[in-house]
N, C-alpha and C. Protein backbone atom coordinates (compact mmCIF):
# COMPACT_ATOMS: atom_id res chain seq x y z
N MET A 1 110.96 27.14 117.11
CA MET A 1 111.99 28.09 117.25
C MET A 1 112.16 28.94 116.03
N LYS A 2 112.07 28.21 114.86
CA LYS A 2 112.22 28.89 113.49
C LYS A 2 111.17 29.97 113.41
N ARG A 3 110.02 29.53 113.72
CA ARG A 3 108.80 30.45 113.66
C ARG A 3 108.98 31.69 114.47
N HIS A 4 109.44 31.45 115.73
CA HIS A 4 109.72 32.61 116.61
C HIS A 4 110.72 33.58 116.02
N PHE A 5 111.88 32.97 115.38
CA PHE A 5 112.88 33.75 114.75
C PHE A 5 112.33 34.55 113.63
N ASP A 6 111.53 33.91 112.83
CA ASP A 6 110.91 34.64 111.69
C ASP A 6 110.03 35.80 112.12
N THR A 7 109.40 35.62 113.31
CA THR A 7 108.58 36.70 113.85
C THR A 7 109.51 37.82 114.37
N ASP A 8 110.63 37.47 114.93
CA ASP A 8 111.53 38.53 115.35
C ASP A 8 112.20 39.24 114.21
N LEU A 9 112.38 38.62 113.07
CA LEU A 9 112.99 39.30 111.90
C LEU A 9 111.97 40.22 111.28
N GLU A 10 110.62 39.87 111.31
CA GLU A 10 109.56 40.76 110.83
C GLU A 10 109.49 41.90 111.72
N ASP A 11 109.62 41.69 113.06
CA ASP A 11 109.62 42.81 114.06
C ASP A 11 110.73 43.79 113.74
N LEU A 12 111.80 43.20 113.39
CA LEU A 12 113.06 44.11 113.14
C LEU A 12 112.72 44.92 111.86
N ARG A 13 112.26 44.21 110.79
CA ARG A 13 111.93 45.05 109.64
C ARG A 13 110.89 46.18 109.89
N GLY A 14 109.93 45.81 110.68
CA GLY A 14 108.91 46.78 111.01
C GLY A 14 109.44 48.00 111.84
N ARG A 15 110.30 47.74 112.73
CA ARG A 15 111.03 48.88 113.46
C ARG A 15 111.88 49.75 112.53
N LEU A 16 112.56 49.13 111.62
CA LEU A 16 113.37 49.92 110.69
C LEU A 16 112.51 50.74 109.83
N LEU A 17 111.44 50.22 109.27
CA LEU A 17 110.56 50.96 108.44
C LEU A 17 109.85 52.05 109.21
N ARG A 18 109.52 51.79 110.34
CA ARG A 18 108.91 52.89 111.25
C ARG A 18 109.88 54.03 111.35
N MET A 19 111.22 53.61 111.72
CA MET A 19 112.27 54.58 111.80
C MET A 19 112.42 55.39 110.56
N GLY A 20 112.37 54.71 109.37
CA GLY A 20 112.54 55.35 108.12
C GLY A 20 111.39 56.27 107.88
N GLY A 21 110.10 55.95 108.23
CA GLY A 21 109.02 56.72 108.10
C GLY A 21 109.08 58.07 108.82
N LEU A 22 109.69 57.96 110.09
CA LEU A 22 109.78 59.06 110.90
C LEU A 22 110.99 60.05 110.27
N CYS A 23 111.97 59.45 109.67
CA CYS A 23 112.97 60.24 109.09
C CYS A 23 112.44 60.91 107.84
N GLU A 24 111.59 60.32 107.04
CA GLU A 24 111.01 60.97 105.95
C GLU A 24 110.15 62.10 106.46
N GLU A 25 109.41 62.01 107.40
CA GLU A 25 108.58 63.05 107.90
C GLU A 25 109.54 64.25 108.46
N MET A 26 110.58 63.88 109.10
CA MET A 26 111.47 64.90 109.60
C MET A 26 112.12 65.68 108.41
N VAL A 27 112.49 65.08 107.25
CA VAL A 27 113.00 65.76 106.17
C VAL A 27 112.01 66.68 105.50
N GLN A 28 110.86 66.15 105.43
CA GLN A 28 109.79 66.96 104.69
C GLN A 28 109.42 68.20 105.52
N HIS A 29 109.39 68.01 106.88
CA HIS A 29 109.02 69.18 107.75
C HIS A 29 110.25 70.20 107.83
N ALA A 30 111.47 69.68 107.86
CA ALA A 30 112.63 70.42 107.94
C ALA A 30 112.70 71.38 106.85
N VAL A 31 112.51 70.93 105.59
CA VAL A 31 112.62 71.68 104.35
C VAL A 31 111.54 72.74 104.34
N LYS A 32 110.45 72.55 104.83
CA LYS A 32 109.43 73.47 104.85
C LYS A 32 109.70 74.57 105.76
N VAL A 33 110.57 74.43 106.82
CA VAL A 33 111.02 75.49 107.61
C VAL A 33 111.80 76.51 106.71
N VAL A 34 112.51 75.93 105.81
CA VAL A 34 113.48 76.74 104.86
C VAL A 34 112.55 77.34 103.74
N VAL A 35 112.00 76.48 103.08
CA VAL A 35 111.31 76.86 101.76
C VAL A 35 110.06 77.65 102.07
N GLU A 36 109.22 77.28 103.14
CA GLU A 36 108.05 78.05 103.41
C GLU A 36 108.19 79.10 104.49
N ARG A 37 109.40 79.00 105.08
CA ARG A 37 109.66 79.78 106.20
C ARG A 37 108.73 79.61 107.37
N ASP A 38 108.38 78.32 107.63
CA ASP A 38 107.42 77.99 108.57
C ASP A 38 108.15 77.43 109.78
N VAL A 39 108.63 78.29 110.69
CA VAL A 39 109.42 77.90 111.89
C VAL A 39 108.73 77.07 112.92
N SER A 40 107.36 76.99 112.80
CA SER A 40 106.57 76.27 113.64
C SER A 40 106.73 74.79 113.49
N ARG A 41 107.34 74.37 112.43
CA ARG A 41 107.62 72.97 112.25
C ARG A 41 108.93 72.38 112.82
N LEU A 42 109.72 73.33 113.38
CA LEU A 42 110.98 72.99 114.00
C LEU A 42 110.78 72.09 115.15
N ALA A 43 109.82 72.37 115.98
CA ALA A 43 109.56 71.67 117.35
C ALA A 43 109.20 70.17 116.99
N ALA A 44 108.47 69.97 115.80
CA ALA A 44 107.99 68.70 115.45
C ALA A 44 109.26 67.87 115.03
N VAL A 45 110.08 68.47 114.27
CA VAL A 45 111.33 67.84 113.83
C VAL A 45 112.17 67.35 115.02
N GLN A 46 112.36 68.29 115.91
CA GLN A 46 113.13 67.96 117.14
C GLN A 46 112.51 66.84 117.97
N GLY A 47 111.18 66.79 118.03
CA GLY A 47 110.48 65.73 118.85
C GLY A 47 110.62 64.37 118.06
N TRP A 48 110.50 64.40 116.82
CA TRP A 48 110.81 63.21 116.10
C TRP A 48 112.13 62.70 116.22
N GLU A 49 113.08 63.58 116.37
CA GLU A 49 114.55 63.05 116.36
C GLU A 49 114.70 62.24 117.88
N ARG A 50 113.90 62.62 118.87
CA ARG A 50 113.99 61.79 120.11
C ARG A 50 113.48 60.39 119.89
N GLN A 51 112.40 60.29 119.03
CA GLN A 51 111.83 58.95 118.76
C GLN A 51 112.89 58.21 117.86
N VAL A 52 113.43 58.89 116.99
CA VAL A 52 114.36 58.16 116.07
C VAL A 52 115.65 57.65 116.84
N ASN A 53 116.11 58.49 117.80
CA ASN A 53 117.34 58.03 118.59
C ASN A 53 116.88 56.90 119.57
N ALA A 54 115.60 56.89 120.02
CA ALA A 54 115.26 55.71 120.83
C ALA A 54 115.14 54.43 120.08
N LEU A 55 114.58 54.53 118.76
CA LEU A 55 114.66 53.39 117.84
C LEU A 55 116.07 52.97 117.42
N HIS A 56 116.94 53.89 117.26
CA HIS A 56 118.27 53.56 116.88
C HIS A 56 118.80 52.60 118.03
N ILE A 57 118.65 52.87 119.26
CA ILE A 57 119.14 51.97 120.36
C ILE A 57 118.40 50.69 120.40
N GLU A 58 117.10 50.69 120.26
CA GLU A 58 116.36 49.52 120.24
C GLU A 58 116.68 48.53 119.09
N ILE A 59 116.86 49.07 117.92
CA ILE A 59 117.17 48.21 116.79
C ILE A 59 118.55 47.53 116.90
N ASP A 60 119.51 48.35 117.32
CA ASP A 60 120.77 47.73 117.65
C ASP A 60 120.72 46.48 118.64
N GLU A 61 119.94 46.76 119.64
CA GLU A 61 119.80 45.72 120.66
C GLU A 61 119.07 44.57 120.18
N VAL A 62 118.08 44.71 119.36
CA VAL A 62 117.34 43.59 118.64
C VAL A 62 118.32 42.82 117.81
N CYS A 63 119.09 43.52 117.01
CA CYS A 63 120.04 42.84 116.11
C CYS A 63 120.97 42.01 116.87
N LEU A 64 121.52 42.57 117.87
CA LEU A 64 122.58 41.86 118.68
C LEU A 64 122.00 40.67 119.42
N ARG A 65 120.67 40.73 119.84
CA ARG A 65 119.98 39.69 120.51
C ARG A 65 119.84 38.58 119.53
N LEU A 66 119.35 38.86 118.25
CA LEU A 66 119.08 37.84 117.23
C LEU A 66 120.31 37.10 116.86
N ILE A 67 121.46 37.93 116.84
CA ILE A 67 122.65 37.07 116.44
C ILE A 67 123.04 36.22 117.59
N ALA A 68 122.97 36.77 118.84
CA ALA A 68 123.43 35.98 120.04
C ALA A 68 122.61 34.68 120.29
N LEU A 69 121.24 34.76 120.03
CA LEU A 69 120.30 33.75 120.35
C LEU A 69 120.16 32.68 119.26
N HIS A 70 120.13 33.13 118.00
CA HIS A 70 119.78 32.31 116.94
C HIS A 70 121.04 31.95 116.04
N GLN A 71 122.16 32.59 116.17
CA GLN A 71 123.25 32.39 115.31
C GLN A 71 122.80 32.25 113.83
N PRO A 72 122.27 33.11 113.31
CA PRO A 72 121.71 33.02 111.92
C PRO A 72 122.75 32.86 110.91
N ALA A 73 122.36 32.27 109.65
CA ALA A 73 123.39 32.13 108.60
C ALA A 73 122.79 32.63 107.43
N ALA A 74 123.73 32.74 106.34
CA ALA A 74 123.24 33.06 104.98
C ALA A 74 122.40 34.36 104.97
N GLY A 75 121.16 34.21 104.30
CA GLY A 75 120.36 35.42 104.01
C GLY A 75 119.79 36.06 105.35
N ASP A 76 119.52 35.22 106.37
CA ASP A 76 119.13 35.88 107.63
C ASP A 76 120.19 36.73 108.23
N LEU A 77 121.36 36.19 108.24
CA LEU A 77 122.57 37.01 108.74
C LEU A 77 122.81 38.31 107.99
N ARG A 78 122.66 38.16 106.64
CA ARG A 78 122.82 39.38 105.75
C ARG A 78 121.72 40.44 106.07
N LEU A 79 120.48 39.96 106.41
CA LEU A 79 119.41 40.95 106.73
C LEU A 79 119.78 41.58 108.01
N ILE A 80 120.26 40.91 108.99
CA ILE A 80 120.63 41.59 110.27
C ILE A 80 121.77 42.51 110.12
N ALA A 81 122.80 42.09 109.42
CA ALA A 81 123.96 43.02 109.07
C ALA A 81 123.50 44.23 108.46
N ALA A 82 122.59 44.06 107.33
CA ALA A 82 122.13 45.21 106.62
C ALA A 82 121.28 46.14 107.56
N ALA A 83 120.57 45.61 108.46
CA ALA A 83 119.68 46.28 109.30
C ALA A 83 120.60 47.18 110.31
N ILE A 84 121.59 46.54 110.82
CA ILE A 84 122.54 47.42 111.58
C ILE A 84 123.06 48.58 110.87
N LYS A 85 123.45 48.42 109.55
CA LYS A 85 124.00 49.58 108.94
C LYS A 85 122.94 50.61 108.59
N ILE A 86 121.78 50.00 108.12
CA ILE A 86 120.67 50.89 107.71
C ILE A 86 120.22 51.79 108.97
N ASN A 87 120.23 51.13 110.10
CA ASN A 87 119.81 51.69 111.30
C ASN A 87 120.77 52.97 111.61
N SER A 88 122.08 52.86 111.39
CA SER A 88 122.97 53.87 111.61
C SER A 88 122.77 55.05 110.48
N ASP A 89 122.45 54.75 109.27
CA ASP A 89 122.22 55.75 108.32
C ASP A 89 120.95 56.41 108.53
N LEU A 90 119.90 55.80 109.07
CA LEU A 90 118.74 56.49 109.33
C LEU A 90 118.85 57.45 110.42
N GLU A 91 119.63 57.09 111.43
CA GLU A 91 119.93 58.02 112.60
C GLU A 91 120.67 59.26 112.16
N ARG A 92 121.52 59.14 111.15
CA ARG A 92 122.23 60.21 110.63
C ARG A 92 121.37 61.11 109.80
N VAL A 93 120.40 60.50 109.04
CA VAL A 93 119.40 61.28 108.33
C VAL A 93 118.62 62.20 109.33
N GLY A 94 118.23 61.58 110.50
CA GLY A 94 117.45 62.40 111.41
C GLY A 94 118.31 63.55 111.82
N ASP A 95 119.61 63.32 112.02
CA ASP A 95 120.46 64.39 112.40
C ASP A 95 120.46 65.49 111.26
N GLN A 96 120.68 65.11 110.08
CA GLN A 96 120.74 66.03 108.98
C GLN A 96 119.32 66.84 108.87
N ALA A 97 118.35 66.19 109.21
CA ALA A 97 116.99 66.92 109.11
C ALA A 97 116.97 68.01 110.24
N VAL A 98 117.55 67.68 111.43
CA VAL A 98 117.50 68.63 112.49
C VAL A 98 118.32 69.77 112.17
N ASN A 99 119.53 69.52 111.54
CA ASN A 99 120.38 70.67 111.07
C ASN A 99 119.76 71.58 110.09
N ILE A 100 119.02 70.92 109.16
CA ILE A 100 118.31 71.77 108.20
C ILE A 100 117.27 72.56 108.83
N ALA A 101 116.46 72.00 109.77
CA ALA A 101 115.36 72.74 110.33
C ALA A 101 115.88 73.89 111.21
N GLU A 102 116.95 73.64 112.02
CA GLU A 102 117.53 74.62 112.88
C GLU A 102 118.14 75.77 112.01
N THR A 103 118.88 75.43 111.00
CA THR A 103 119.38 76.42 110.20
C THR A 103 118.28 77.28 109.47
N GLY A 104 117.32 76.62 109.10
CA GLY A 104 116.09 77.26 108.57
C GLY A 104 115.46 78.18 109.56
N GLY A 105 115.42 77.80 110.81
CA GLY A 105 114.95 78.70 111.83
C GLY A 105 115.68 80.10 112.00
N TYR A 106 117.00 79.94 111.84
CA TYR A 106 117.79 81.21 111.85
C TYR A 106 117.46 81.97 110.60
N LEU A 107 117.35 81.40 109.46
CA LEU A 107 116.98 82.11 108.22
C LEU A 107 115.70 82.76 108.24
N CYS A 108 114.75 82.15 108.93
CA CYS A 108 113.44 82.83 109.04
C CYS A 108 113.42 84.20 109.72
N LYS A 109 114.50 84.50 110.39
CA LYS A 109 114.59 85.82 111.24
C LYS A 109 115.21 86.80 110.26
N GLU A 110 115.66 86.44 109.01
CA GLU A 110 116.44 87.23 108.20
C GLU A 110 115.72 87.47 106.86
N PRO A 111 116.18 88.49 106.10
CA PRO A 111 115.43 88.73 104.79
C PRO A 111 115.59 87.53 103.91
N LEU A 112 114.69 87.44 102.97
CA LEU A 112 114.73 86.38 102.04
C LEU A 112 116.02 86.40 101.22
N ILE A 113 116.49 85.26 100.78
CA ILE A 113 117.63 84.97 100.04
C ILE A 113 117.45 83.97 98.89
N LYS A 114 118.02 83.98 97.84
CA LYS A 114 117.86 83.09 96.77
C LYS A 114 118.30 81.64 97.31
N LEU A 115 117.44 80.62 97.02
CA LEU A 115 117.69 79.29 97.49
C LEU A 115 118.45 78.38 96.57
N GLY A 116 118.67 78.90 95.41
CA GLY A 116 119.40 78.19 94.39
C GLY A 116 118.62 76.91 94.07
N ASP A 117 119.26 75.77 93.98
CA ASP A 117 118.54 74.58 93.62
C ASP A 117 118.05 73.70 94.80
N ILE A 118 117.86 74.44 95.90
CA ILE A 118 117.42 73.73 97.06
C ILE A 118 116.17 72.95 96.97
N PRO A 119 115.14 73.57 96.32
CA PRO A 119 113.88 72.78 96.14
C PRO A 119 114.05 71.55 95.34
N ARG A 120 114.83 71.58 94.28
CA ARG A 120 115.07 70.34 93.47
C ARG A 120 115.85 69.34 94.24
N MET A 121 116.88 69.83 95.05
CA MET A 121 117.68 68.99 95.88
C MET A 121 116.88 68.23 96.85
N VAL A 122 115.89 68.96 97.49
CA VAL A 122 114.97 68.30 98.40
C VAL A 122 114.14 67.25 97.68
N GLU A 123 113.62 67.43 96.48
CA GLU A 123 112.90 66.51 95.62
C GLU A 123 113.78 65.29 95.48
N VAL A 124 114.92 65.42 95.12
CA VAL A 124 115.83 64.27 94.68
C VAL A 124 116.17 63.46 95.99
N ALA A 125 116.65 64.19 96.98
CA ALA A 125 116.99 63.53 98.27
C ALA A 125 115.83 62.65 98.96
N ALA A 126 114.68 63.40 98.93
CA ALA A 126 113.47 62.76 99.62
C ALA A 126 113.12 61.54 98.76
N GLY A 127 113.14 61.70 97.44
CA GLY A 127 112.69 60.58 96.66
C GLY A 127 113.77 59.47 96.81
N MET A 128 115.04 59.74 96.89
CA MET A 128 115.95 58.66 97.06
C MET A 128 115.75 58.01 98.45
N LEU A 129 115.47 58.69 99.45
CA LEU A 129 115.20 58.15 100.79
C LEU A 129 114.05 57.19 100.74
N LYS A 130 112.98 57.73 100.16
CA LYS A 130 111.69 56.93 100.13
C LYS A 130 111.98 55.57 99.27
N ASP A 131 112.63 55.65 98.21
CA ASP A 131 112.83 54.49 97.33
C ASP A 131 113.75 53.51 97.90
N SER A 132 114.75 54.06 98.67
CA SER A 132 115.70 53.13 99.28
C SER A 132 115.02 52.34 100.32
N LEU A 133 114.02 52.99 101.12
CA LEU A 133 113.30 52.27 102.08
C LEU A 133 112.32 51.30 101.50
N ASP A 134 111.63 51.60 100.33
CA ASP A 134 110.82 50.81 99.67
C ASP A 134 111.59 49.60 99.09
N ALA A 135 112.78 49.80 98.58
CA ALA A 135 113.61 48.71 98.05
C ALA A 135 113.95 47.78 99.19
N PHE A 136 114.21 48.19 100.39
CA PHE A 136 114.44 47.41 101.64
C PHE A 136 113.22 46.67 102.06
N ALA A 137 112.07 47.22 102.02
CA ALA A 137 110.91 46.52 102.41
C ALA A 137 110.50 45.44 101.43
N ARG A 138 110.79 45.63 100.21
CA ARG A 138 110.39 44.59 99.03
C ARG A 138 111.62 43.78 98.66
N GLY A 139 112.87 44.06 99.05
CA GLY A 139 114.04 43.38 98.67
C GLY A 139 114.13 43.55 97.14
N ASP A 140 113.88 44.84 96.74
CA ASP A 140 113.94 45.17 95.32
C ASP A 140 115.26 45.69 94.88
N VAL A 141 116.00 44.92 94.20
CA VAL A 141 117.40 45.18 93.78
C VAL A 141 117.37 46.26 92.68
N GLU A 142 116.52 46.18 91.78
CA GLU A 142 116.37 47.15 90.66
C GLU A 142 116.19 48.54 91.24
N LEU A 143 115.32 48.64 92.13
CA LEU A 143 114.94 49.98 92.63
C LEU A 143 116.16 50.44 93.46
N ALA A 144 116.79 49.62 94.15
CA ALA A 144 118.08 50.01 94.78
C ALA A 144 119.09 50.59 93.94
N ARG A 145 119.24 49.83 92.86
CA ARG A 145 120.26 50.37 91.79
C ARG A 145 119.84 51.79 91.19
N ASP A 146 118.57 51.89 91.01
CA ASP A 146 118.11 53.22 90.59
C ASP A 146 118.34 54.26 91.64
N VAL A 147 118.15 54.04 92.80
CA VAL A 147 118.45 55.03 93.98
C VAL A 147 120.01 55.37 93.77
N ILE A 148 120.83 54.47 93.69
CA ILE A 148 122.29 54.76 93.51
C ILE A 148 122.66 55.70 92.44
N LYS A 149 122.02 55.39 91.23
CA LYS A 149 122.26 56.24 90.06
C LYS A 149 121.94 57.70 90.24
N ARG A 150 120.88 57.86 91.12
CA ARG A 150 120.38 59.34 91.28
C ARG A 150 121.40 60.23 92.07
N ASP A 151 122.28 59.67 92.78
CA ASP A 151 123.07 60.31 93.69
C ASP A 151 123.95 61.35 93.03
N ASP A 152 124.28 61.09 91.70
CA ASP A 152 125.12 62.03 90.90
C ASP A 152 124.33 63.30 90.60
N GLU A 153 123.07 63.21 90.42
CA GLU A 153 122.21 64.30 90.26
C GLU A 153 122.26 65.24 91.50
N GLU A 154 122.11 64.65 92.64
CA GLU A 154 122.17 65.49 93.89
C GLU A 154 123.49 66.06 93.98
N ASP A 155 124.48 65.44 93.71
CA ASP A 155 125.94 66.11 93.70
C ASP A 155 126.07 67.24 92.79
N ARG A 156 125.55 67.13 91.59
CA ARG A 156 125.55 68.17 90.73
C ARG A 156 124.68 69.44 91.19
N LEU A 157 123.51 69.23 91.74
CA LEU A 157 122.72 70.21 92.18
C LEU A 157 123.36 70.92 93.32
N LYS A 158 124.04 70.24 94.24
CA LYS A 158 124.85 70.86 95.32
C LYS A 158 125.87 71.71 94.83
N SER A 159 126.73 71.32 93.81
CA SER A 159 127.69 72.20 93.30
C SER A 159 127.28 73.36 92.75
N GLN A 160 126.12 73.25 91.86
CA GLN A 160 125.57 74.36 91.22
C GLN A 160 124.96 75.36 92.25
N THR A 161 124.27 74.90 93.31
CA THR A 161 123.91 75.79 94.29
C THR A 161 124.97 76.60 95.00
N PHE A 162 126.12 75.79 95.28
CA PHE A 162 127.30 76.46 95.87
C PHE A 162 127.79 77.57 95.03
N ASN A 163 128.04 77.25 93.74
CA ASN A 163 128.47 78.34 92.83
C ASN A 163 127.62 79.47 92.72
N GLU A 164 126.29 79.24 92.65
CA GLU A 164 125.44 80.35 92.71
C GLU A 164 125.53 81.31 93.86
N LEU A 165 125.65 80.69 94.96
CA LEU A 165 125.55 81.42 96.21
C LEU A 165 126.97 82.11 96.49
N VAL A 166 128.08 81.47 96.13
CA VAL A 166 129.33 82.17 96.23
C VAL A 166 129.36 83.40 95.41
N THR A 167 128.76 83.33 94.12
CA THR A 167 128.59 84.47 93.20
C THR A 167 127.83 85.57 93.90
N LEU A 168 126.71 85.17 94.54
CA LEU A 168 125.87 86.12 95.17
C LEU A 168 126.53 86.89 96.44
N MET A 169 127.31 86.09 97.17
CA MET A 169 127.98 86.64 98.30
C MET A 169 129.11 87.57 97.91
N GLN A 170 129.82 87.23 96.73
CA GLN A 170 130.82 88.20 96.24
C GLN A 170 130.29 89.55 95.84
N ARG A 171 129.05 89.56 95.38
CA ARG A 171 128.35 90.77 95.06
C ARG A 171 127.84 91.53 96.10
N ASP A 172 127.32 90.75 97.09
CA ASP A 172 126.66 91.35 98.32
C ASP A 172 127.07 90.89 99.59
N ALA A 173 127.95 91.65 100.28
CA ALA A 173 128.51 91.15 101.47
C ALA A 173 127.47 90.98 102.59
N SER A 174 126.46 91.68 102.52
CA SER A 174 125.26 91.51 103.52
C SER A 174 124.54 90.11 103.46
N ALA A 175 124.82 89.38 102.34
CA ALA A 175 124.27 88.11 102.10
C ALA A 175 125.17 86.91 102.48
N ILE A 176 126.31 87.15 102.99
CA ILE A 176 127.38 86.22 103.34
C ILE A 176 126.82 85.18 104.32
N GLN A 177 126.24 85.64 105.44
CA GLN A 177 125.82 84.62 106.49
C GLN A 177 124.71 83.82 106.03
N ARG A 178 123.81 84.41 105.35
CA ARG A 178 122.62 83.77 104.86
C ARG A 178 123.02 82.76 103.71
N GLY A 179 123.92 83.29 102.95
CA GLY A 179 124.48 82.45 101.87
C GLY A 179 125.12 81.18 102.31
N MET A 180 125.96 81.29 103.35
CA MET A 180 126.65 80.20 104.03
C MET A 180 125.69 79.19 104.75
N ASP A 181 124.47 79.73 105.29
CA ASP A 181 123.46 78.79 105.78
C ASP A 181 122.84 78.04 104.65
N ILE A 182 122.56 78.66 103.50
CA ILE A 182 121.87 77.89 102.37
C ILE A 182 122.88 76.80 102.03
N ILE A 183 124.13 77.05 101.92
CA ILE A 183 125.24 76.11 101.49
C ILE A 183 125.22 74.98 102.49
N LEU A 184 125.15 75.34 103.79
CA LEU A 184 125.02 74.23 104.79
C LEU A 184 123.84 73.36 104.60
N ILE A 185 122.75 73.88 104.33
CA ILE A 185 121.55 73.18 103.97
C ILE A 185 121.65 72.28 102.80
N ALA A 186 122.39 72.77 101.74
CA ALA A 186 122.61 72.01 100.55
C ALA A 186 123.47 70.80 100.90
N ARG A 187 124.56 71.00 101.74
CA ARG A 187 125.40 69.91 102.16
C ARG A 187 124.63 68.83 102.99
N ASN A 188 123.67 69.30 103.84
CA ASN A 188 122.88 68.42 104.58
C ASN A 188 121.95 67.59 103.68
N LEU A 189 121.39 68.14 102.66
CA LEU A 189 120.60 67.39 101.66
C LEU A 189 121.41 66.40 100.85
N GLU A 190 122.64 66.86 100.66
CA GLU A 190 123.58 65.90 99.80
C GLU A 190 123.90 64.77 100.73
N ARG A 191 124.17 64.87 102.00
CA ARG A 191 124.41 63.81 103.05
C ARG A 191 123.19 62.88 103.02
N ILE A 192 121.96 63.45 102.98
CA ILE A 192 120.82 62.55 103.08
C ILE A 192 120.77 61.70 101.88
N ALA A 193 121.07 62.19 100.68
CA ALA A 193 121.12 61.43 99.54
C ALA A 193 122.14 60.40 99.63
N ASP A 194 123.41 60.77 100.26
CA ASP A 194 124.46 59.80 100.43
C ASP A 194 123.98 58.60 101.37
N HIS A 195 123.12 58.98 102.46
CA HIS A 195 122.70 57.95 103.37
C HIS A 195 121.73 57.05 102.59
N ALA A 196 120.95 57.59 101.71
CA ALA A 196 119.82 56.81 101.01
C ALA A 196 120.68 55.84 100.06
N THR A 197 121.77 56.37 99.49
CA THR A 197 122.68 55.51 98.66
C THR A 197 123.23 54.35 99.47
N ASN A 198 123.70 54.61 100.62
CA ASN A 198 124.15 53.59 101.49
C ASN A 198 123.11 52.51 101.82
N ILE A 199 121.89 52.97 102.07
CA ILE A 199 120.74 52.07 102.27
C ILE A 199 120.50 51.15 101.10
N ALA A 200 120.54 51.75 99.91
CA ALA A 200 120.32 50.99 98.65
C ALA A 200 121.37 49.93 98.60
N GLU A 201 122.69 50.36 98.71
CA GLU A 201 123.82 49.33 98.70
C GLU A 201 123.61 48.20 99.73
N ASP A 202 123.08 48.55 100.87
CA ASP A 202 122.79 47.56 101.76
C ASP A 202 121.68 46.53 101.40
N VAL A 203 120.72 47.11 100.63
CA VAL A 203 119.71 46.16 100.10
C VAL A 203 120.33 45.30 99.12
N ILE A 204 121.10 45.70 98.25
CA ILE A 204 121.80 44.83 97.27
C ILE A 204 122.62 43.75 98.05
N PHE A 205 123.36 44.12 99.13
CA PHE A 205 124.05 43.12 99.86
C PHE A 205 123.10 42.15 100.51
N MET A 206 122.01 42.60 101.04
CA MET A 206 121.10 41.77 101.72
C MET A 206 120.50 40.71 100.75
N VAL A 207 120.09 41.21 99.62
CA VAL A 207 119.47 40.21 98.64
C VAL A 207 120.45 39.39 97.80
N LEU A 208 121.51 39.96 97.39
CA LEU A 208 122.42 39.24 96.53
C LEU A 208 123.66 38.65 97.28
N GLY A 209 123.95 39.21 98.45
CA GLY A 209 125.20 38.92 99.05
C GLY A 209 126.44 39.54 98.43
N LYS A 210 126.08 40.62 97.76
CA LYS A 210 127.22 41.28 96.96
C LYS A 210 127.45 42.66 97.47
N ASP A 211 128.72 42.91 97.89
CA ASP A 211 129.04 44.27 98.41
C ASP A 211 129.64 45.12 97.36
N ILE A 212 128.86 46.14 96.91
CA ILE A 212 129.22 46.99 95.82
C ILE A 212 129.73 48.35 96.13
N ARG A 213 130.06 48.50 97.54
CA ARG A 213 130.37 49.77 98.07
C ARG A 213 131.55 50.40 97.30
N HIS A 214 132.52 49.69 97.11
CA HIS A 214 133.81 50.15 96.52
C HIS A 214 134.06 49.52 95.13
N SER A 215 132.96 49.12 94.49
CA SER A 215 133.14 48.46 93.23
C SER A 215 133.17 49.44 92.08
N SER A 216 134.02 49.18 91.09
CA SER A 216 134.02 50.06 89.91
C SER A 216 133.08 49.52 88.77
N GLU A 217 132.46 48.37 89.03
CA GLU A 217 131.68 47.70 87.89
C GLU A 217 130.37 48.52 87.78
N GLU A 218 129.79 48.33 86.56
CA GLU A 218 128.52 49.04 86.19
C GLU A 218 127.49 48.53 87.22
N ILE A 219 126.69 49.57 87.81
CA ILE A 219 125.68 49.44 88.75
C ILE A 219 124.46 48.86 88.03
């Protein structure tokens, strides 16, 4: 019975990591719609969203079944609890990627506009997402802590982009709609970084049994 349970836990990990991989692809392709003005990638992002949504439902069902059938305790229960929360965060990452791609699709029809720190925001958010998933796969607390520390950089970049675009829109009224679209993309990237931070916090809970979400102590 224990061996069957362990196999089910590994299956759960595998599904989550597959979902995470799809989300990483979605983010990468979504930002290329914006940065490279490659609207052909939009359909791929929308297609992956359907797969992510299906996995979202599957993973919740697996988690509930494992709890009901095996009544896990200690570390195994923390893994399942973390998986439920990570599953939700990844589904939201998929939504953010779709938002970026669809907004980028609108921008591709308009004249070019300054992107501010969007390319750097992409680099930070995508790196945080990848490393949070690697931390989950390896149970790596130090990597998870490093991800959490990077969130401040993403927040700073978003604020800087916002300020630059507001200044641009004040000078040029014709840029207002496009500027608002870039600000929306920056907010979506910031939210992806927030979800990566949530995943990293869940890894720490999973490994150490320590909830740091509202903690003021040094990470």
